[in-house]
Amino acid sequence: MKYSRKIALLITGLATITICQAQLQDCTLDIAGTDSEVITKLFQLNKDQTITLENLRAEVGVKNRVLYDQIKWLFDNHPQDTEDDLTNMAKKYDVMHRQIMANARLYDQKFLGTLNPLQYERYTVLCDEALRKPLPVPDNFKTYNPPE
């Protein structure tokens, strides 16, 4: 009986760990909002990486500025007299907010693709310490070329 109880506790513990792992939040850098100097120093970026970071920040900034302007227009102009009006406005806002979040994730992944293996390892270590899940970097985003 004691053996089966230990097995049950072990299974419960493993299930809890699995559920917690599945619920970890993404480890985002928020290159659109974070001061680029912090990222530059943290990952000891070289000149090319710093330029790429600034270019990516500018690109995501332009994309998100359009969405922020649409959100402002929505809040200023959408009818808000009834519960249905508010529900419809909330749905429209949610779509735009999700797009902003998707843009942030995409551009973080593009930036992560510029990191060398040691820089990326530092990123994963920091994510682990923060109990966050590192973002995957699709192969087509990997642009790091070692100096010759």
Protein backbone atom coordinates (compact mmCIF):
# COMPACT_ATOMS: atom_id res chain seq x y z
CA MET A 1 0.00 0.00 0.00
CA LYS A 2 2.79 2.41 0.85
CA TYR A 3 4.51 1.68 -2.48
CA SER A 4 1.37 2.50 -4.48
CA ARG A 5 0.93 5.70 -2.52
CA LYS A 6 4.48 6.75 -3.36
CA ILE A 7 3.80 6.03 -7.03
CA ALA A 8 0.61 8.11 -6.85
CA LEU A 9 2.48 11.01 -5.24
CA LEU A 10 5.24 10.75 -7.84
CA ILE A 11 2.71 10.82 -10.68
CA THR A 12 0.91 13.77 -9.09
CA GLY A 13 4.20 15.62 -8.72
CA LEU A 14 5.19 14.96 -12.32
CA ALA A 15 1.78 16.07 -13.55
CA THR A 16 2.08 19.28 -11.54
CA ILE A 17 5.53 19.99 -12.97
CA THR A 18 4.26 19.31 -16.49
CA ILE A 19 1.29 21.63 -16.03
CA CYS A 20 3.52 24.37 -14.59
CA GLN A 21 5.95 24.01 -17.50
CA ALA A 22 3.10 24.26 -19.99
CA GLN A 23 1.86 27.45 -18.33
CA LEU A 24 5.18 29.29 -18.29
CA GLN A 25 4.95 32.67 -19.94
CA ASP A 26 7.08 33.47 -22.96
CA CYS A 27 10.40 35.11 -22.23
CA THR A 28 10.01 38.28 -24.26
CA LEU A 29 12.57 41.03 -24.62
CA ASP A 30 10.07 43.66 -25.77
CA ILE A 31 12.58 45.26 -28.11
CA ALA A 32 9.89 47.74 -29.11
CA GLY A 33 9.56 49.10 -25.59
CA THR A 34 12.82 48.34 -23.83
CA ASP A 35 15.69 50.78 -23.89
CA SER A 36 18.02 49.37 -26.54
CA GLU A 37 21.06 50.31 -24.46
CA VAL A 38 20.01 47.76 -21.82
CA ILE A 39 19.80 44.99 -24.43
CA THR A 40 23.06 46.12 -26.06
CA LYS A 41 24.94 45.93 -22.76
CA LEU A 42 23.22 42.80 -21.48
CA PHE A 43 24.06 40.76 -24.56
CA GLN A 44 27.28 42.65 -25.42
CA LEU A 45 26.09 43.28 -28.96
CA ASN A 46 28.56 44.05 -31.70
CA LYS A 47 28.09 47.00 -34.06
CA ASP A 48 26.13 45.03 -36.69
CA GLN A 49 23.83 43.54 -34.05
CA THR A 50 23.23 46.98 -32.55
CA ILE A 51 22.29 48.39 -35.96
CA THR A 52 19.98 45.43 -36.58
CA LEU A 53 18.36 45.94 -33.16
CA GLU A 54 17.69 49.61 -33.93
CA ASN A 55 16.26 48.74 -37.36
CA LEU A 56 13.97 46.08 -35.88
CA ARG A 57 12.85 48.52 -33.16
CA ALA A 58 11.99 51.07 -35.84
CA GLU A 59 10.05 48.52 -37.93
CA VAL A 60 7.96 47.21 -35.06
CA GLY A 61 7.44 50.76 -33.84
CA VAL A 62 5.92 51.77 -37.18
CA LYS A 63 3.67 48.69 -37.29
CA ASN A 64 2.49 49.17 -33.73
CA ARG A 65 2.04 52.95 -34.09
CA VAL A 66 -0.64 52.27 -36.71
CA LEU A 67 -2.39 49.92 -34.30
CA TYR A 68 -2.10 52.36 -31.38
CA ASP A 69 -3.62 55.07 -33.58
CA GLN A 70 -6.47 52.72 -34.48
CA ILE A 71 -7.04 51.96 -30.80
CA LYS A 72 -7.13 55.67 -29.98
CA TRP A 73 -9.61 56.24 -32.81
CA LEU A 74 -11.70 53.31 -31.53
CA PHE A 75 -11.85 54.72 -27.99
CA ASP A 76 -12.60 58.23 -29.23
CA ASN A 77 -15.23 57.38 -31.85
CA HIS A 78 -16.85 54.01 -31.16
CA PRO A 79 -20.34 54.19 -29.63
CA GLN A 80 -20.25 53.41 -25.92
CA ASP A 81 -23.86 53.94 -24.94
CA THR A 82 -25.00 50.36 -24.47
CA GLU A 83 -23.58 47.12 -23.21
CA ASP A 84 -23.57 45.80 -26.80
CA ASP A 85 -21.58 48.85 -27.93
CA LEU A 86 -19.01 48.23 -25.22
CA THR A 87 -18.84 44.51 -26.00
CA ASN A 88 -18.27 45.23 -29.69
CA MET A 89 -15.62 47.81 -28.85
CA ALA A 90 -13.88 45.34 -26.54
CA LYS A 91 -13.80 42.72 -29.30
CA LYS A 92 -12.29 45.21 -31.76
CA TYR A 93 -9.74 46.32 -29.16
CA ASP A 94 -8.82 42.71 -28.41
CA VAL A 95 -8.02 42.03 -32.08
CA MET A 96 -5.70 45.04 -32.23
CA HIS A 97 -4.09 44.27 -28.88
CA ARG A 98 -3.38 40.69 -29.95
CA GLN A 99 -1.75 42.00 -33.14
CA ILE A 100 0.51 44.30 -31.09
CA MET A 101 1.52 41.33 -28.94
CA ALA A 102 2.13 39.18 -32.04
CA ASN A 103 4.30 41.92 -33.54
CA ALA A 104 6.34 42.16 -30.34
CA ARG A 105 6.90 38.39 -30.31
CA LEU A 106 7.81 38.28 -34.01
CA TYR A 107 10.37 41.07 -33.72
CA ASP A 108 11.84 39.59 -30.55
CA GLN A 109 12.32 36.34 -32.48
CA LYS A 110 13.94 38.20 -35.38
CA PHE A 111 16.33 39.87 -32.94
CA LEU A 112 17.11 36.60 -31.17
CA GLY A 113 18.09 35.19 -34.55
CA THR A 114 20.98 37.68 -34.67
CA LEU A 115 22.53 36.44 -31.42
CA ASN A 116 25.57 34.20 -31.43
CA PRO A 117 25.38 30.90 -29.50
CA LEU A 118 26.86 32.38 -26.30
CA GLN A 119 24.50 35.35 -26.37
CA TYR A 120 21.53 33.07 -26.97
CA GLU A 121 22.66 30.84 -24.10
CA ARG A 122 22.72 33.92 -21.85
CA TYR A 123 19.16 34.66 -22.96
CA THR A 124 18.00 31.13 -22.07
CA VAL A 125 19.73 31.28 -18.68
CA LEU A 126 18.03 34.59 -17.90
CA CYS A 127 14.69 33.13 -19.01
CA ASP A 128 15.18 30.12 -16.74
CA GLU A 129 16.00 32.40 -13.80
CA ALA A 130 12.84 34.39 -14.48
CA LEU A 131 10.78 31.19 -14.83
CA ARG A 132 9.96 32.08 -18.41
CA LYS A 133 9.94 29.98 -21.57
CA PRO A 134 12.54 31.07 -24.17
CA LEU A 135 11.07 32.02 -27.52
CA PRO A 136 11.86 29.60 -30.32
CA VAL A 137 13.83 31.11 -33.19
CA PRO A 138 12.70 29.84 -36.59
CA ASP A 139 15.60 28.83 -38.85
CA ASN A 140 14.76 31.55 -41.36
CA PHE A 141 15.33 34.17 -38.61
CA LYS A 142 18.82 32.92 -37.75
CA THR A 143 21.16 35.46 -39.31
CA TYR A 144 24.24 35.35 -37.08
CA ASN A 145 27.40 34.94 -39.11
CA PRO A 146 30.64 34.44 -37.19
CA PRO A 147 33.39 36.92 -38.07
CA GLU A 148 36.05 35.57 -40.39
